[in-house]
Amino acid sequence: MEYLIRNCEIADLPKLVVLCQKHAEFEKADYDPEGKEEGLKKELFNNNPKLFCLVVVSEAEIVGYVTYTFSYSTWSAGDYMYMDCLFLEEGARNFGIGEVLINTLKQIGKEKNCVNMQWRTPQFNERAIKFYHRIGAKGKDKVCFFLDL
């Protein structure tokens, strides 16, 4: 499969929201697309973005994305990269694209002097967990909590 990885552009936002919906469905989570395009535009495309996004393009169609942020670790006393989302359409899987995306983020994190890269995946996503172990990532048993505000 031929593909290109590039920074997300404003014109990509409608497709990005569709992929977010598919990602949420895959993770058995609720997702309301209402207002998401505007919210993503505001945070991805300003002078001091909170969120960063790369998209995977094949045959002029966006088939995947990865989003990430930067935060500070108390225990490490340093910045870290947080991979918020990584999703590929079914037809774009098994071509090594996920590993290329992770390696791209690792390089960005190193350039930003991050101490590590962190992310979460559902326990039922065994395919992803095997992939993450294969590339050298280590999991921690923690319970994720959400408190609506």
N, C-alpha and C. Protein backbone atom coordinates (compact mmCIF):
# COMPACT_ATOMS: atom_id res chain seq x y z
N MET A 1 0.85 -1.19 0.00
CA MET A 1 0.00 0.00 0.00
C MET A 1 0.89 1.24 0.00
N GLU A 2 0.66 2.14 -0.92
CA GLU A 2 1.38 3.40 -0.95
C GLU A 2 0.63 4.41 -0.10
N TYR A 3 1.38 5.15 0.70
CA TYR A 3 0.75 6.12 1.58
C TYR A 3 1.74 7.24 1.89
N LEU A 4 1.19 8.31 2.41
CA LEU A 4 1.96 9.48 2.82
C LEU A 4 1.49 9.87 4.21
N ILE A 5 2.42 10.22 5.08
CA ILE A 5 2.07 10.75 6.39
C ILE A 5 2.41 12.23 6.38
N ARG A 6 1.43 13.05 6.75
CA ARG A 6 1.65 14.50 6.76
C ARG A 6 0.86 15.12 7.90
N ASN A 7 1.17 16.39 8.16
CA ASN A 7 0.41 17.13 9.16
C ASN A 7 -1.03 17.30 8.70
N CYS A 8 -1.92 17.26 9.65
CA CYS A 8 -3.33 17.50 9.36
C CYS A 8 -3.50 18.94 8.86
N GLU A 9 -4.39 19.11 7.90
CA GLU A 9 -4.71 20.43 7.35
C GLU A 9 -6.18 20.73 7.65
N ILE A 10 -6.53 21.99 7.59
CA ILE A 10 -7.91 22.38 7.90
C ILE A 10 -8.91 21.63 7.02
N ALA A 11 -8.58 21.43 5.75
CA ALA A 11 -9.48 20.72 4.83
C ALA A 11 -9.69 19.26 5.23
N ASP A 12 -8.81 18.71 6.07
CA ASP A 12 -8.92 17.31 6.52
C ASP A 12 -9.92 17.12 7.65
N LEU A 13 -10.34 18.19 8.28
CA LEU A 13 -11.13 18.08 9.51
C LEU A 13 -12.43 17.29 9.36
N PRO A 14 -13.21 17.47 8.27
CA PRO A 14 -14.43 16.66 8.16
C PRO A 14 -14.13 15.16 8.17
N LYS A 15 -13.10 14.73 7.45
CA LYS A 15 -12.73 13.31 7.43
C LYS A 15 -12.15 12.88 8.78
N LEU A 16 -11.42 13.77 9.44
CA LEU A 16 -10.87 13.45 10.75
C LEU A 16 -12.00 13.15 11.74
N VAL A 17 -13.06 13.93 11.69
CA VAL A 17 -14.20 13.70 12.59
C VAL A 17 -14.84 12.34 12.27
N VAL A 18 -14.94 11.99 11.00
CA VAL A 18 -15.47 10.68 10.62
C VAL A 18 -14.60 9.57 11.18
N LEU A 19 -13.28 9.73 11.08
CA LEU A 19 -12.37 8.72 11.63
C LEU A 19 -12.46 8.65 13.15
N CYS A 20 -12.65 9.79 13.80
CA CYS A 20 -12.84 9.79 15.26
C CYS A 20 -14.09 8.98 15.62
N GLN A 21 -15.15 9.15 14.84
CA GLN A 21 -16.39 8.40 15.07
C GLN A 21 -16.12 6.90 14.92
N LYS A 22 -15.41 6.51 13.86
CA LYS A 22 -15.09 5.10 13.64
C LYS A 22 -14.19 4.56 14.76
N HIS A 23 -13.26 5.38 15.20
CA HIS A 23 -12.35 4.99 16.29
C HIS A 23 -13.15 4.74 17.57
N ALA A 24 -14.06 5.65 17.87
CA ALA A 24 -14.89 5.51 19.07
C ALA A 24 -15.74 4.25 18.99
N GLU A 25 -16.32 3.98 17.83
CA GLU A 25 -17.11 2.76 17.65
C GLU A 25 -16.24 1.53 17.88
N PHE A 26 -15.03 1.54 17.34
CA PHE A 26 -14.10 0.43 17.50
C PHE A 26 -13.80 0.19 18.98
N GLU A 27 -13.68 1.28 19.75
CA GLU A 27 -13.37 1.18 21.17
C GLU A 27 -14.62 1.08 22.04
N LYS A 28 -15.78 0.89 21.39
CA LYS A 28 -17.06 0.73 22.09
C LYS A 28 -17.34 1.92 23.00
N ALA A 29 -17.08 3.10 22.47
CA ALA A 29 -17.26 4.34 23.24
C ALA A 29 -18.29 5.23 22.54
N ASP A 30 -18.88 6.11 23.30
CA ASP A 30 -19.82 7.08 22.73
C ASP A 30 -19.04 8.21 22.07
N TYR A 31 -19.60 8.76 21.01
CA TYR A 31 -18.98 9.88 20.33
C TYR A 31 -20.06 10.70 19.66
N ASP A 32 -20.09 11.98 19.96
CA ASP A 32 -21.04 12.89 19.33
C ASP A 32 -20.23 13.84 18.45
N PRO A 33 -20.38 13.75 17.13
CA PRO A 33 -19.58 14.58 16.23
C PRO A 33 -19.94 16.07 16.26
N GLU A 34 -21.03 16.41 16.92
CA GLU A 34 -21.50 17.80 16.97
C GLU A 34 -20.43 18.72 17.55
N GLY A 35 -20.02 19.73 16.78
CA GLY A 35 -19.08 20.74 17.24
C GLY A 35 -17.62 20.29 17.24
N LYS A 36 -17.36 19.05 16.88
CA LYS A 36 -15.98 18.55 16.95
C LYS A 36 -15.06 19.19 15.93
N GLU A 37 -15.58 19.41 14.72
CA GLU A 37 -14.75 20.02 13.68
C GLU A 37 -14.26 21.40 14.13
N GLU A 38 -15.16 22.19 14.69
CA GLU A 38 -14.80 23.53 15.16
C GLU A 38 -13.82 23.45 16.33
N GLY A 39 -14.07 22.53 17.26
CA GLY A 39 -13.19 22.38 18.42
C GLY A 39 -11.79 21.94 18.03
N LEU A 40 -11.71 20.99 17.10
CA LEU A 40 -10.40 20.53 16.63
C LEU A 40 -9.67 21.63 15.87
N LYS A 41 -10.40 22.36 15.05
CA LYS A 41 -9.79 23.46 14.30
C LYS A 41 -9.18 24.48 15.25
N LYS A 42 -9.90 24.80 16.31
CA LYS A 42 -9.45 25.80 17.27
C LYS A 42 -8.13 25.37 17.94
N GLU A 43 -8.00 24.09 18.28
CA GLU A 43 -6.82 23.64 19.02
C GLU A 43 -5.66 23.19 18.14
N LEU A 44 -5.97 22.72 16.94
CA LEU A 44 -4.90 22.28 16.03
C LEU A 44 -4.24 23.43 15.27
N PHE A 45 -5.03 24.46 15.00
CA PHE A 45 -4.55 25.51 14.10
C PHE A 45 -4.55 26.89 14.75
N ASN A 46 -3.82 27.02 15.85
CA ASN A 46 -3.63 28.33 16.44
C ASN A 46 -2.14 28.52 16.73
N ASN A 47 -1.77 29.66 17.26
CA ASN A 47 -0.35 29.97 17.47
C ASN A 47 0.30 29.12 18.56
N ASN A 48 -0.50 28.59 19.48
CA ASN A 48 0.03 27.77 20.57
C ASN A 48 -0.87 26.54 20.73
N PRO A 49 -0.80 25.59 19.77
CA PRO A 49 -1.74 24.46 19.80
C PRO A 49 -1.55 23.55 21.00
N LYS A 50 -2.68 23.03 21.49
CA LYS A 50 -2.66 22.04 22.56
C LYS A 50 -2.59 20.63 21.98
N LEU A 51 -3.05 20.48 20.75
CA LEU A 51 -3.16 19.18 20.10
C LEU A 51 -2.42 19.22 18.77
N PHE A 52 -1.80 18.09 18.43
CA PHE A 52 -1.10 17.94 17.16
C PHE A 52 -1.63 16.70 16.47
N CYS A 53 -1.65 16.70 15.14
CA CYS A 53 -2.24 15.58 14.41
C CYS A 53 -1.49 15.32 13.11
N LEU A 54 -1.21 14.04 12.88
CA LEU A 54 -0.69 13.58 11.60
C LEU A 54 -1.77 12.72 10.97
N VAL A 55 -1.89 12.79 9.64
CA VAL A 55 -2.84 11.95 8.93
C VAL A 55 -2.10 11.05 7.96
N VAL A 56 -2.72 9.93 7.66
CA VAL A 56 -2.20 8.97 6.69
C VAL A 56 -3.07 9.08 5.46
N VAL A 57 -2.44 9.35 4.32
CA VAL A 57 -3.17 9.54 3.07
C VAL A 57 -2.75 8.46 2.09
N SER A 58 -3.75 7.80 1.49
CA SER A 58 -3.50 6.81 0.45
C SER A 58 -4.51 7.06 -0.67
N GLU A 59 -4.00 7.18 -1.89
CA GLU A 59 -4.86 7.45 -3.05
C GLU A 59 -5.78 8.63 -2.80
N ALA A 60 -5.20 9.73 -2.28
CA ALA A 60 -5.89 11.00 -2.02
C ALA A 60 -6.97 10.89 -0.95
N GLU A 61 -7.01 9.80 -0.21
CA GLU A 61 -8.01 9.60 0.84
C GLU A 61 -7.31 9.45 2.19
N ILE A 62 -7.84 10.10 3.22
CA ILE A 62 -7.27 9.96 4.56
C ILE A 62 -7.76 8.64 5.13
N VAL A 63 -6.81 7.76 5.49
CA VAL A 63 -7.16 6.42 5.96
C VAL A 63 -6.73 6.18 7.41
N GLY A 64 -6.16 7.20 8.03
CA GLY A 64 -5.76 7.05 9.42
C GLY A 64 -5.26 8.35 10.00
N TYR A 65 -5.09 8.33 11.31
CA TYR A 65 -4.58 9.53 11.99
C TYR A 65 -3.95 9.15 13.32
N VAL A 66 -3.12 10.05 13.80
CA VAL A 66 -2.58 9.95 15.14
C VAL A 66 -2.58 11.36 15.72
N THR A 67 -3.01 11.49 16.97
CA THR A 67 -2.99 12.79 17.64
C THR A 67 -2.14 12.66 18.89
N TYR A 68 -1.54 13.78 19.27
CA TYR A 68 -0.67 13.76 20.44
C TYR A 68 -0.60 15.14 21.08
N THR A 69 -0.22 15.12 22.35
CA THR A 69 -0.05 16.34 23.13
C THR A 69 1.25 16.21 23.92
N PHE A 70 1.59 17.27 24.62
CA PHE A 70 2.76 17.25 25.49
C PHE A 70 2.30 17.64 26.89
N SER A 71 2.88 16.98 27.88
CA SER A 71 2.54 17.28 29.27
C SER A 71 3.79 17.10 30.12
N TYR A 72 3.63 17.29 31.41
CA TYR A 72 4.76 17.22 32.33
C TYR A 72 4.55 16.09 33.32
N SER A 73 5.59 15.29 33.56
CA SER A 73 5.54 14.17 34.49
C SER A 73 6.19 14.56 35.82
N THR A 74 5.44 14.48 36.87
CA THR A 74 5.97 14.76 38.21
C THR A 74 7.08 13.78 38.56
N TRP A 75 6.81 12.49 38.39
CA TRP A 75 7.77 11.47 38.79
C TRP A 75 9.05 11.53 37.97
N SER A 76 8.92 11.85 36.69
CA SER A 76 10.11 11.93 35.82
C SER A 76 10.74 13.32 35.85
N ALA A 77 10.01 14.28 36.38
CA ALA A 77 10.45 15.68 36.40
C ALA A 77 10.88 16.12 35.00
N GLY A 78 10.03 15.80 34.03
CA GLY A 78 10.32 16.19 32.65
C GLY A 78 9.07 16.08 31.78
N ASP A 79 9.16 16.66 30.60
CA ASP A 79 8.05 16.60 29.65
C ASP A 79 7.90 15.21 29.07
N TYR A 80 6.68 14.84 28.73
CA TYR A 80 6.43 13.61 28.00
C TYR A 80 5.42 13.86 26.90
N MET A 81 5.42 12.99 25.92
CA MET A 81 4.45 13.04 24.83
C MET A 81 3.33 12.07 25.18
N TYR A 82 2.10 12.50 24.98
CA TYR A 82 0.95 11.63 25.17
C TYR A 82 0.29 11.40 23.81
N MET A 83 0.27 10.14 23.37
CA MET A 83 -0.42 9.79 22.13
C MET A 83 -1.89 9.60 22.48
N ASP A 84 -2.71 10.53 22.07
CA ASP A 84 -4.12 10.49 22.45
C ASP A 84 -4.88 9.47 21.60
N CYS A 85 -4.68 9.49 20.31
CA CYS A 85 -5.39 8.58 19.42
C CYS A 85 -4.46 8.06 18.33
N LEU A 86 -4.64 6.81 17.98
CA LEU A 86 -3.99 6.21 16.82
C LEU A 86 -5.03 5.29 16.20
N PHE A 87 -5.40 5.58 14.96
CA PHE A 87 -6.44 4.80 14.31
C PHE A 87 -6.16 4.70 12.82
N LEU A 88 -6.32 3.49 12.31
CA LEU A 88 -6.21 3.23 10.87
C LEU A 88 -7.47 2.50 10.42
N GLU A 89 -7.97 2.89 9.25
CA GLU A 89 -9.09 2.17 8.66
C GLU A 89 -8.66 0.71 8.49
N GLU A 90 -9.62 -0.20 8.52
CA GLU A 90 -9.32 -1.63 8.42
C GLU A 90 -8.43 -1.94 7.21
N GLY A 91 -8.70 -1.34 6.07
CA GLY A 91 -7.93 -1.60 4.86
C GLY A 91 -6.51 -1.07 4.89
N ALA A 92 -6.19 -0.24 5.88
CA ALA A 92 -4.85 0.33 5.99
C ALA A 92 -4.01 -0.37 7.06
N ARG A 93 -4.58 -1.40 7.66
CA ARG A 93 -3.86 -2.13 8.72
C ARG A 93 -2.98 -3.23 8.11
N ASN A 94 -1.99 -3.64 8.87
CA ASN A 94 -1.07 -4.72 8.49
C ASN A 94 -0.10 -4.35 7.38
N PHE A 95 0.16 -3.06 7.22
CA PHE A 95 1.16 -2.60 6.26
C PHE A 95 2.34 -1.94 6.97
N GLY A 96 2.37 -1.99 8.30
CA GLY A 96 3.45 -1.37 9.05
C GLY A 96 3.27 0.12 9.28
N ILE A 97 2.11 0.65 8.92
CA ILE A 97 1.87 2.10 9.03
C ILE A 97 1.84 2.52 10.51
N GLY A 98 1.25 1.71 11.36
CA GLY A 98 1.21 2.04 12.79
C GLY A 98 2.60 2.19 13.36
N GLU A 99 3.49 1.31 12.99
CA GLU A 99 4.86 1.39 13.49
C GLU A 99 5.56 2.64 12.96
N VAL A 100 5.31 2.98 11.71
CA VAL A 100 5.89 4.21 11.15
C VAL A 100 5.36 5.42 11.90
N LEU A 101 4.07 5.43 12.21
CA LEU A 101 3.50 6.54 12.98
C LEU A 101 4.14 6.65 14.36
N ILE A 102 4.27 5.52 15.05
CA ILE A 102 4.90 5.52 16.38
C ILE A 102 6.34 6.01 16.27
N ASN A 103 7.08 5.54 15.29
CA ASN A 103 8.47 5.97 15.12
C ASN A 103 8.56 7.46 14.81
N THR A 104 7.60 7.97 14.06
CA THR A 104 7.55 9.41 13.77
C THR A 104 7.33 10.19 15.06
N LEU A 105 6.40 9.71 15.89
CA LEU A 105 6.15 10.38 17.17
C LEU A 105 7.36 10.28 18.09
N LYS A 106 8.03 9.13 18.09
CA LYS A 106 9.24 8.99 18.92
C LYS A 106 10.27 10.05 18.52
N GLN A 107 10.44 10.25 17.23
CA GLN A 107 11.41 11.25 16.76
C GLN A 107 10.99 12.66 17.20
N ILE A 108 9.71 12.97 17.07
CA ILE A 108 9.22 14.29 17.51
C ILE A 108 9.45 14.45 19.01
N GLY A 109 9.13 13.41 19.78
CA GLY A 109 9.32 13.45 21.23
C GLY A 109 10.78 13.65 21.61
N LYS A 110 11.68 12.98 20.91
CA LYS A 110 13.12 13.15 21.18
C LYS A 110 13.55 14.59 20.87
N GLU A 111 13.05 15.14 19.76
CA GLU A 111 13.40 16.52 19.39
C GLU A 111 12.90 17.51 20.43
N LYS A 112 11.79 17.17 21.10
CA LYS A 112 11.21 18.04 22.14
C LYS A 112 11.75 17.70 23.54
N ASN A 113 12.77 16.84 23.60
CA ASN A 113 13.40 16.42 24.86
C ASN A 113 12.42 15.77 25.84
N CYS A 114 11.47 15.00 25.32
CA CYS A 114 10.53 14.30 26.17
C CYS A 114 11.22 13.09 26.82
N VAL A 115 10.83 12.80 28.06
CA VAL A 115 11.41 11.66 28.78
C VAL A 115 10.81 10.34 28.30
N ASN A 116 9.56 10.37 27.84
CA ASN A 116 8.93 9.17 27.31
C ASN A 116 7.67 9.53 26.53
N MET A 117 7.05 8.49 26.02
CA MET A 117 5.80 8.62 25.29
C MET A 117 4.81 7.71 26.00
N GLN A 118 3.59 8.18 26.21
CA GLN A 118 2.58 7.41 26.93
C GLN A 118 1.30 7.35 26.12
N TRP A 119 0.51 6.29 26.33
CA TRP A 119 -0.80 6.17 25.71
C TRP A 119 -1.58 5.08 26.41
N ARG A 120 -2.85 4.98 26.04
CA ARG A 120 -3.72 3.95 26.60
C ARG A 120 -4.43 3.24 25.45
N THR A 121 -4.82 2.01 25.71
CA THR A 121 -5.67 1.27 24.79
C THR A 121 -6.59 0.38 25.62
N PRO A 122 -7.78 0.09 25.13
CA PRO A 122 -8.67 -0.78 25.90
C PRO A 122 -8.08 -2.18 26.08
N GLN A 123 -8.39 -2.82 27.19
CA GLN A 123 -7.87 -4.16 27.47
C GLN A 123 -8.31 -5.17 26.43
N PHE A 124 -9.47 -4.96 25.80
CA PHE A 124 -9.95 -5.91 24.81
C PHE A 124 -9.25 -5.77 23.46
N ASN A 125 -8.47 -4.72 23.27
CA ASN A 125 -7.79 -4.50 22.00
C ASN A 125 -6.49 -5.30 21.95
N GLU A 126 -6.64 -6.61 21.94
CA GLU A 126 -5.49 -7.50 22.02
C GLU A 126 -4.52 -7.34 20.85
N ARG A 127 -5.06 -7.05 19.70
CA ARG A 127 -4.21 -6.85 18.52
C ARG A 127 -3.26 -5.68 18.73
N ALA A 128 -3.79 -4.58 19.25
CA ALA A 128 -2.95 -3.40 19.51
C ALA A 128 -1.95 -3.70 20.62
N ILE A 129 -2.39 -4.39 21.66
CA ILE A 129 -1.50 -4.70 22.78
C ILE A 129 -0.32 -5.55 22.31
N LYS A 130 -0.59 -6.53 21.46
CA LYS A 130 0.50 -7.36 20.91
C LYS A 130 1.47 -6.49 20.10
N PHE A 131 0.92 -5.59 19.30
CA PHE A 131 1.74 -4.67 18.50
C PHE A 131 2.60 -3.80 19.41
N TYR A 132 2.01 -3.23 20.44
CA TYR A 132 2.76 -2.35 21.34
C TYR A 132 3.87 -3.10 22.06
N HIS A 133 3.60 -4.33 22.47
CA HIS A 133 4.64 -5.14 23.10
C HIS A 133 5.76 -5.44 22.10
N ARG A 134 5.39 -5.74 20.85
CA ARG A 134 6.37 -6.08 19.83
C ARG A 134 7.33 -4.93 19.56
N ILE A 135 6.84 -3.69 19.66
CA ILE A 135 7.73 -2.54 19.39
C ILE A 135 8.48 -2.09 20.64
N GLY A 136 8.31 -2.83 21.75
CA GLY A 136 9.10 -2.53 22.94
C GLY A 136 8.40 -1.72 24.01
N ALA A 137 7.11 -1.45 23.84
CA ALA A 137 6.38 -0.69 24.86
C ALA A 137 6.04 -1.61 26.04
N LYS A 138 5.93 -1.02 27.20
CA LYS A 138 5.58 -1.77 28.40
C LYS A 138 4.27 -1.22 28.96
N GLY A 139 3.37 -2.11 29.32
CA GLY A 139 2.08 -1.70 29.87
C GLY A 139 2.12 -1.63 31.38
N LYS A 140 1.23 -0.84 31.95
CA LYS A 140 1.06 -0.75 33.40
C LYS A 140 -0.40 -1.01 33.70
N ASP A 141 -0.65 -1.78 34.74
CA ASP A 141 -2.02 -2.04 35.14
C ASP A 141 -2.51 -0.87 35.99
N LYS A 142 -3.36 -0.09 35.41
CA LYS A 142 -3.98 1.03 36.10
C LYS A 142 -5.43 1.10 35.65
N VAL A 143 -6.26 1.67 36.46
CA VAL A 143 -7.66 1.88 36.09
C VAL A 143 -7.80 3.33 35.67
N CYS A 144 -8.42 3.53 34.53
CA CYS A 144 -8.62 4.88 33.99
C CYS A 144 -9.96 5.41 34.48
N PHE A 145 -9.96 6.60 35.05
CA PHE A 145 -11.18 7.22 35.55
C PHE A 145 -11.49 8.48 34.75
N PHE A 146 -12.79 8.76 34.61
CA PHE A 146 -13.25 9.98 33.98
C PHE A 146 -14.28 10.60 34.92
N LEU A 147 -14.19 11.88 35.14
CA LEU A 147 -15.15 12.59 35.97
C LEU A 147 -15.68 13.74 35.14
N ASP A 148 -16.93 13.67 34.76
CA ASP A 148 -17.52 14.73 33.94
C ASP A 148 -17.58 16.04 34.72
N LEU A 149 -17.25 17.11 34.04
CA LEU A 149 -17.28 18.44 34.65
C LEU A 149 -18.32 19.32 33.98
